[in-house]
Amino acid sequence: MSRGRLVVHGHFYQPSRVDPFSGRVPADPSAAPAHDWTARVSAECYRPNAELGNLRHISWDLGPTLADWLEAGDPVAHRGFVDGDRGVNGLAQPFHHPILPLASAADRRVEIRWGLRDFELRFGRPATGMWLPETAVDLPTLRLLAEAGVRHTILAPWQADDHHVETRRPYRVDLGDGRDIVVALYDADLSASISFEPRATADADRFSMERIEPRLSSGALPDDEPPLVVIATDAPLLPHQCERLAQRAGLGIARAGGTGGHTSGDLFIAFATGNRLPIEADEDSPTTLTYDVRAVGDRAIDALFDGAIEATEEAIVNALVAAATMVGRDGVTAHALPHERLVEIMAGYGRGPQPAG
């Protein structure tokens, strides 16, 4: 019902190159003109991404050994990560980047907890996700993650039982004993082209059009997952009015041809920001017993109902028109709408753009 969202995840890690006897990083001639490879990669990758603000717009994990070096070795890059986290972007990483399934249970537990603690001290919040080195995983490792409070991780698609698994949605893995964890599977083809095909990303516009766009605009998921409709308004509405507004989304879906079948689980959500209530800062602040709020009169709310219906229908139409032809599993093809023919048909019914003259 809507176009997907692209999530870019960056895995940032460098081992500690400190000489344990001198406490300093020795010069590495192969990294010239930089002093060593950590400094060179930071100058060519971490710092430019920090200066451009990219770290505020992507998902990423930052290895503790690299973060420790950045703090003194490249404070601009380090500040870029700290500011770029925004409370949601960063994932933790096991402290020393070990292959966890090869480690003992005790070592795994220590690596996970040290990595989580480093993240919390560095970014000022507990991590909700953790990147696993080389995405190496087994069920005991996932159980230790869940035990430590980690709620999600990222894995490779071939690590799933079904090698043709749909990677455009997350999955919940049951770990037993009432625990579970959410797993996102990265897109193997896109990831490989970005990592190992320098020419693929030389032209960003072409890469977006030819490789990313088909994945985002391929229409519904194979199991015809029902839509999620979110309606937001800055009109001052009360809770019962938001509920009435949300119900109008169904009319918008119906106008676009949706019927709501037996297995449909359509979700309609509405919220309003028209009332702003102050936040009582602490327990010593005077307690306010009541607040004055505004609300749209019931006789004036029809315009909002009409707008919700039209906006829902428009969102569906936009998604259909923007979708590109997609070839899926077993050669199943979902064809894009022929735009010129669509305009002709709509014009015949007095809808859409009219011919000139």
Protein backbone atom coordinates (compact mmCIF):
# COMPACT_ATOMS: atom_id res chain seq x y z
CA MET A 1 0.00 0.00 0.00
CA SER A 2 3.00 2.32 0.38
CA ARG A 3 6.57 2.51 -0.80
CA GLY A 4 9.15 0.99 1.47
CA ARG A 5 11.89 2.69 3.41
CA LEU A 6 15.59 2.23 2.74
CA VAL A 7 17.76 1.49 5.76
CA VAL A 8 21.52 1.90 5.31
CA HIS A 9 23.63 0.29 8.03
CA GLY A 10 27.32 0.99 8.45
CA HIS A 11 29.56 -1.42 10.36
CA PHE A 12 32.49 0.62 11.74
CA TYR A 13 35.33 -1.29 13.34
CA GLN A 14 39.12 -1.19 13.64
CA PRO A 15 41.19 -3.36 15.96
CA SER A 16 43.39 -1.76 18.57
CA ARG A 17 46.82 -1.12 17.01
CA VAL A 18 48.43 0.06 20.24
CA ASP A 19 51.81 -1.47 21.05
CA PRO A 20 51.27 -3.05 24.48
CA PHE A 21 54.86 -2.21 25.56
CA SER A 22 55.02 1.44 24.49
CA GLY A 23 51.33 2.30 24.76
CA ARG A 24 51.54 4.04 21.37
CA VAL A 25 50.38 3.14 17.86
CA PRO A 26 53.49 2.47 15.73
CA ALA A 27 53.79 4.02 12.28
CA ASP A 28 52.74 1.80 9.39
CA PRO A 29 54.41 2.76 6.06
CA SER A 30 51.76 0.88 4.09
CA ALA A 31 49.17 3.42 5.32
CA ALA A 32 51.09 6.45 3.98
CA PRO A 33 50.52 9.32 3.87
CA ALA A 34 48.68 8.61 7.16
CA HIS A 35 50.50 7.47 10.27
CA ASP A 36 48.64 4.15 10.44
CA TRP A 37 45.61 2.45 8.97
CA THR A 38 43.16 3.54 11.66
CA ALA A 39 44.13 7.15 11.05
CA ARG A 40 43.89 6.73 7.28
CA VAL A 41 40.46 5.08 7.32
CA SER A 42 39.22 7.72 9.74
CA ALA A 43 40.42 10.54 7.49
CA GLU A 44 38.90 8.96 4.38
CA CYS A 45 35.70 7.52 5.85
CA TYR A 46 34.66 8.25 9.44
CA ARG A 47 35.45 11.98 9.53
CA PRO A 48 33.88 12.83 6.13
CA ASN A 49 30.68 11.00 7.10
CA ALA A 50 30.66 12.85 10.42
CA GLU A 51 31.25 16.25 8.79
CA LEU A 52 28.53 15.66 6.19
CA GLY A 53 26.03 14.66 8.89
CA ASN A 54 25.48 11.23 7.32
CA LEU A 55 25.67 9.50 10.70
CA ARG A 56 22.44 11.24 11.70
CA HIS A 57 20.55 9.57 8.87
CA ILE A 58 21.77 5.97 8.81
CA SER A 59 21.96 3.01 11.17
CA TRP A 60 25.44 2.04 12.35
CA ASP A 61 27.51 0.20 14.95
CA LEU A 62 30.80 1.50 16.31
CA GLY A 63 33.34 -0.93 17.75
CA PRO A 64 34.61 0.01 21.23
CA THR A 65 38.27 -0.35 20.23
CA LEU A 66 37.74 2.07 17.33
CA ALA A 67 35.63 4.44 19.43
CA ASP A 68 38.37 4.57 22.05
CA TRP A 69 40.93 5.57 19.39
CA LEU A 70 38.59 8.14 17.80
CA GLU A 71 37.99 9.91 21.09
CA ALA A 72 41.59 11.16 21.14
CA GLY A 73 42.82 10.38 17.61
CA ASP A 74 39.98 12.01 15.65
CA PRO A 75 37.62 13.89 18.01
CA VAL A 76 35.67 15.37 15.07
CA ALA A 77 34.71 11.88 13.91
CA HIS A 78 33.99 10.74 17.46
CA ARG A 79 31.69 13.73 18.07
CA GLY A 80 29.96 12.94 14.77
CA PHE A 81 29.04 9.49 16.07
CA VAL A 82 27.91 10.79 19.46
CA ASP A 83 25.74 13.52 17.92
CA GLY A 84 24.60 11.24 15.10
CA ASP A 85 23.15 8.61 17.43
CA ARG A 86 20.05 10.73 18.14
CA GLY A 87 18.87 8.10 20.58
CA VAL A 88 18.07 5.55 17.85
CA ASN A 89 20.76 5.17 15.19
CA GLY A 90 23.58 3.38 16.97
CA LEU A 91 23.93 -0.34 17.69
CA ALA A 92 26.37 -1.78 20.18
CA GLN A 93 29.08 -4.27 19.30
CA PRO A 94 30.81 -6.99 21.36
CA PHE A 95 33.83 -5.32 22.95
CA HIS A 96 36.72 -7.02 21.11
CA HIS A 97 34.96 -8.06 17.88
CA PRO A 98 35.23 -11.84 18.54
CA ILE A 99 33.41 -14.56 16.61
CA LEU A 100 30.96 -15.21 19.42
CA PRO A 101 29.82 -18.77 18.56
CA LEU A 102 33.47 -19.89 18.82
CA ALA A 103 33.88 -18.41 22.30
CA SER A 104 32.89 -20.00 25.59
CA ALA A 105 29.59 -19.03 27.15
CA ALA A 106 31.41 -17.05 29.82
CA ASP A 107 33.51 -15.14 27.27
CA ARG A 108 30.45 -14.45 25.14
CA ARG A 109 28.61 -13.04 28.12
CA VAL A 110 31.55 -10.79 29.03
CA GLU A 111 32.02 -9.51 25.45
CA ILE A 112 28.32 -8.68 25.16
CA ARG A 113 28.08 -6.95 28.53
CA TRP A 114 31.31 -4.97 28.05
CA GLY A 115 30.13 -3.84 24.61
CA LEU A 116 26.76 -2.75 25.99
CA ARG A 117 28.38 -0.93 28.89
CA ASP A 118 30.81 0.92 26.61
CA PHE A 119 27.90 1.98 24.41
CA GLU A 120 25.89 3.25 27.38
CA LEU A 121 28.79 5.28 28.78
CA ARG A 122 29.68 6.71 25.36
CA PHE A 123 26.21 7.56 24.06
CA GLY A 124 24.31 8.10 27.27
CA ARG A 125 21.65 5.47 26.72
CA PRO A 126 21.29 1.68 26.79
CA ALA A 127 21.66 0.02 23.39
CA THR A 128 18.59 -1.78 22.08
CA GLY A 129 20.44 -3.55 19.25
CA MET A 130 23.82 -5.23 18.78
CA TRP A 131 25.82 -6.05 15.65
CA LEU A 132 27.45 -9.47 15.75
CA PRO A 133 31.00 -9.62 14.27
CA GLU A 134 30.83 -11.17 10.78
CA THR A 135 27.13 -11.71 11.66
CA ALA A 136 28.32 -15.02 13.20
CA VAL A 137 25.47 -16.41 15.26
CA ASP A 138 23.86 -19.41 16.87
CA LEU A 139 20.85 -19.78 19.15
CA PRO A 140 22.90 -19.72 22.39
CA THR A 141 24.38 -16.38 21.30
CA LEU A 142 20.95 -14.96 20.55
CA ARG A 143 19.75 -16.14 23.95
CA LEU A 144 22.66 -14.33 25.63
CA LEU A 145 21.79 -11.17 23.70
CA ALA A 146 18.17 -11.34 24.84
CA GLU A 147 19.30 -12.10 28.39
CA ALA A 148 21.35 -8.88 28.33
CA GLY A 149 18.37 -6.83 27.14
CA VAL A 150 19.24 -6.67 23.42
CA ARG A 151 16.04 -6.55 21.38
CA HIS A 152 17.28 -6.75 17.77
CA THR A 153 20.24 -7.61 15.55
CA ILE A 154 21.16 -7.83 11.85
CA LEU A 155 21.97 -11.08 10.05
CA ALA A 156 22.67 -12.32 6.53
CA PRO A 157 19.79 -13.77 4.49
CA TRP A 158 21.55 -17.11 4.03
CA GLN A 159 21.54 -17.60 7.79
CA ALA A 160 17.77 -18.13 7.68
CA ASP A 161 16.30 -21.61 7.18
CA ASP A 162 14.62 -20.41 3.99
CA HIS A 163 17.31 -19.09 1.64
CA HIS A 164 14.60 -17.33 -0.40
CA VAL A 165 13.41 -15.43 2.65
CA GLU A 166 11.89 -11.98 2.10
CA THR A 167 14.47 -9.49 3.39
CA ARG A 168 12.19 -6.44 3.33
CA ARG A 169 10.63 -7.23 6.68
CA PRO A 170 11.94 -8.05 10.17
CA TYR A 171 11.42 -11.42 11.85
CA ARG A 172 10.90 -12.41 15.46
CA VAL A 173 12.96 -15.41 16.62
CA ASP A 174 11.53 -17.45 19.48
CA LEU A 175 14.36 -18.28 21.90
CA GLY A 176 12.38 -20.24 24.46
CA ASP A 177 11.72 -19.45 28.12
CA GLY A 178 9.52 -16.55 27.10
CA ARG A 179 12.35 -14.71 25.31
CA ASP A 180 12.61 -13.61 21.69
CA ILE A 181 14.65 -11.26 19.53
CA VAL A 182 13.92 -9.36 16.32
CA VAL A 183 16.21 -10.07 13.35
CA ALA A 184 16.59 -7.86 10.28
CA LEU A 185 18.15 -9.53 7.23
CA TYR A 186 20.25 -7.35 4.98
CA ASP A 187 19.71 -7.31 1.22
CA ALA A 188 22.52 -9.49 -0.14
CA ASP A 189 22.56 -8.13 -3.70
CA LEU A 190 22.50 -4.45 -2.73
CA SER A 191 25.05 -4.97 0.03
CA ALA A 192 27.43 -6.83 -2.27
CA SER A 193 27.19 -4.24 -5.02
CA ILE A 194 27.92 -1.39 -2.60
CA SER A 195 30.81 -3.25 -0.98
CA PHE A 196 32.50 -4.93 -3.94
CA GLU A 197 31.44 -3.08 -7.12
CA PRO A 198 33.10 0.36 -7.14
CA ARG A 199 31.49 1.24 -10.46
CA ALA A 200 28.02 0.45 -9.17
CA THR A 201 27.96 3.46 -6.86
CA ALA A 202 30.05 5.81 -9.01
CA ASP A 203 26.80 7.34 -10.27
CA ALA A 204 24.55 7.66 -7.21
CA ASP A 205 21.46 8.67 -9.20
CA ARG A 206 21.78 5.69 -11.52
CA PHE A 207 22.41 3.32 -8.62
CA SER A 208 19.29 4.58 -6.85
CA MET A 209 17.16 4.31 -9.98
CA GLU A 210 18.35 0.92 -11.25
CA ARG A 211 19.07 -0.98 -8.04
CA ILE A 212 17.35 0.61 -5.07
CA GLU A 213 14.12 1.90 -6.63
CA PRO A 214 12.90 -1.55 -7.78
CA ARG A 215 13.29 -2.88 -4.23
CA LEU A 216 11.39 0.00 -2.68
CA SER A 217 8.55 0.28 -5.17
CA SER A 218 7.77 -3.38 -5.78
CA GLY A 219 4.34 -3.19 -4.19
CA ALA A 220 2.91 -5.45 -1.50
CA LEU A 221 4.89 -8.15 0.23
CA PRO A 222 4.31 -11.72 -1.02
CA ASP A 223 1.81 -12.54 1.72
CA ASP A 224 -0.26 -9.42 0.93
CA GLU A 225 0.47 -7.91 4.32
CA PRO A 226 -2.25 -5.42 5.28
CA PRO A 227 -1.51 -1.71 5.28
CA LEU A 228 -0.67 0.57 8.16
CA VAL A 229 -2.26 4.00 7.85
CA VAL A 230 -1.05 6.83 10.09
CA ILE A 231 -2.99 10.09 10.08
CA ALA A 232 -1.42 13.15 11.72
CA THR A 233 -3.01 16.56 12.18
CA ASP A 234 -2.12 19.73 14.04
CA ALA A 235 -5.81 20.44 14.62
CA PRO A 236 -6.79 20.37 18.33
CA LEU A 237 -8.68 17.09 18.67
CA LEU A 238 -9.81 15.12 21.69
CA PRO A 239 -9.16 11.33 21.89
CA HIS A 240 -12.65 10.34 20.79
CA GLN A 241 -12.34 12.70 17.80
CA CYS A 242 -9.02 11.11 16.81
CA GLU A 243 -10.73 7.72 16.91
CA ARG A 244 -13.46 8.97 14.58
CA LEU A 245 -10.83 10.48 12.26
CA ALA A 246 -8.89 7.20 12.11
CA GLN A 247 -12.03 5.31 11.08
CA ARG A 248 -12.22 7.44 7.91
CA ALA A 249 -9.03 5.84 6.59
CA GLY A 250 -11.07 2.75 5.71
CA LEU A 251 -13.21 4.88 3.40
CA GLY A 252 -10.05 6.11 1.67
CA ILE A 253 -8.90 2.53 1.10
CA ALA A 254 -12.36 1.65 -0.25
CA ARG A 255 -12.27 4.57 -2.69
CA ALA A 256 -8.98 3.17 -4.02
CA GLY A 257 -10.56 -0.25 -4.55
CA GLY A 258 -9.69 -2.02 -1.29
CA THR A 259 -12.35 -4.25 0.24
CA GLY A 260 -10.91 -5.51 3.56
CA GLY A 261 -10.99 -9.29 3.27
CA HIS A 262 -11.44 -11.93 5.98
CA THR A 263 -7.71 -12.04 6.81
CA SER A 264 -7.20 -8.29 6.55
CA GLY A 265 -5.71 -6.69 9.63
CA ASP A 266 -5.65 -3.04 8.57
CA LEU A 267 -4.37 -0.68 11.25
CA PHE A 268 -5.62 2.91 11.42
CA ILE A 269 -3.91 5.37 13.76
CA ALA A 270 -4.63 9.06 14.24
CA PHE A 271 -3.02 11.60 16.52
CA ALA A 272 -3.30 15.35 16.96
CA THR A 273 -0.74 17.93 18.05
CA GLY A 274 -3.05 20.90 18.41
CA ASN A 275 -2.73 20.99 22.21
CA ARG A 276 0.64 21.48 23.86
CA LEU A 277 0.86 20.63 27.57
CA PRO A 278 3.81 21.70 29.73
CA ILE A 279 6.10 19.05 31.21
CA GLU A 280 6.52 19.18 34.97
CA ALA A 281 10.29 19.02 35.31
CA ASP A 282 10.66 17.40 38.71
CA GLU A 283 8.88 16.42 41.89
CA ASP A 284 9.55 19.83 43.46
CA SER A 285 7.61 21.65 40.73
CA PRO A 286 4.10 22.83 41.66
CA THR A 287 1.54 20.18 40.75
CA THR A 288 -1.00 21.28 38.16
CA LEU A 289 -4.37 19.65 38.75
CA THR A 290 -6.02 20.64 35.48
CA TYR A 291 -5.08 21.90 32.02
CA ASP A 292 -7.17 23.81 29.51
CA VAL A 293 -7.34 22.18 26.07
CA ARG A 294 -9.00 23.16 22.82
CA ALA A 295 -11.09 20.97 20.53
CA VAL A 296 -12.60 21.34 17.08
CA GLY A 297 -16.37 21.65 17.25
CA ASP A 298 -18.25 18.58 16.03
CA ARG A 299 -20.05 20.64 13.39
CA ALA A 300 -16.70 21.75 11.94
CA ILE A 301 -14.98 18.35 11.92
CA ASP A 302 -16.38 17.16 8.57
CA ALA A 303 -13.60 18.96 6.67
CA LEU A 304 -11.03 16.91 8.59
CA PHE A 305 -12.93 13.71 7.80
CA ASP A 306 -12.91 14.59 4.09
CA GLY A 307 -9.21 15.38 4.22
CA ALA A 308 -8.37 12.07 5.89
CA ILE A 309 -10.31 10.11 3.27
CA GLU A 310 -8.76 11.97 0.36
CA ALA A 311 -5.22 11.80 1.79
CA THR A 312 -5.48 8.03 2.30
CA GLU A 313 -6.72 7.47 -1.24
CA GLU A 314 -4.03 9.78 -2.63
CA ALA A 315 -1.27 7.91 -0.77
CA ILE A 316 -2.41 4.61 -2.27
CA VAL A 317 -2.66 6.03 -5.79
CA ASN A 318 0.79 7.62 -5.47
CA ALA A 319 2.29 4.28 -4.40
CA LEU A 320 0.66 2.45 -7.33
CA VAL A 321 1.81 5.00 -9.90
CA ALA A 322 5.36 5.16 -8.51
CA ALA A 323 5.85 1.39 -8.39
CA ALA A 324 8.29 -0.15 -10.88
CA THR A 325 8.10 -3.61 -12.44
CA MET A 326 9.41 -6.20 -9.99
CA VAL A 327 10.45 -9.80 -10.64
CA GLY A 328 10.20 -11.86 -7.45
CA ARG A 329 10.59 -15.41 -6.33
CA ASP A 330 10.03 -18.17 -8.92
CA GLY A 331 9.90 -15.55 -11.66
CA VAL A 332 6.61 -14.07 -10.46
CA THR A 333 6.39 -10.62 -12.06
CA ALA A 334 4.43 -7.62 -10.81
CA HIS A 335 4.18 -5.17 -13.70
CA ALA A 336 4.29 -1.42 -13.26
CA LEU A 337 1.26 0.55 -14.41
CA PRO A 338 1.65 1.97 -17.95
CA HIS A 339 1.43 5.68 -17.17
CA GLU A 340 0.34 6.95 -20.59
CA ARG A 341 -2.41 4.34 -20.89
CA LEU A 342 -3.54 5.06 -17.35
CA VAL A 343 -3.90 8.77 -18.11
CA GLU A 344 -5.96 7.96 -21.22
CA ILE A 345 -8.31 5.65 -19.31
CA MET A 346 -8.80 8.11 -16.45
CA ALA A 347 -9.43 10.95 -18.88
CA GLY A 348 -12.17 8.84 -20.46
CA TYR A 349 -13.97 8.85 -17.13
CA GLY A 350 -13.39 12.54 -16.51
CA ARG A 351 -10.67 11.99 -13.94
CA GLY A 352 -7.00 12.79 -13.81
CA PRO A 353 -5.18 15.28 -16.06
CA GLN A 354 -7.22 16.33 -19.07
CA PRO A 355 -5.77 16.49 -22.63
CA ALA A 356 -4.66 19.98 -23.73
CA GLY A 357 -7.16 21.95 -25.75
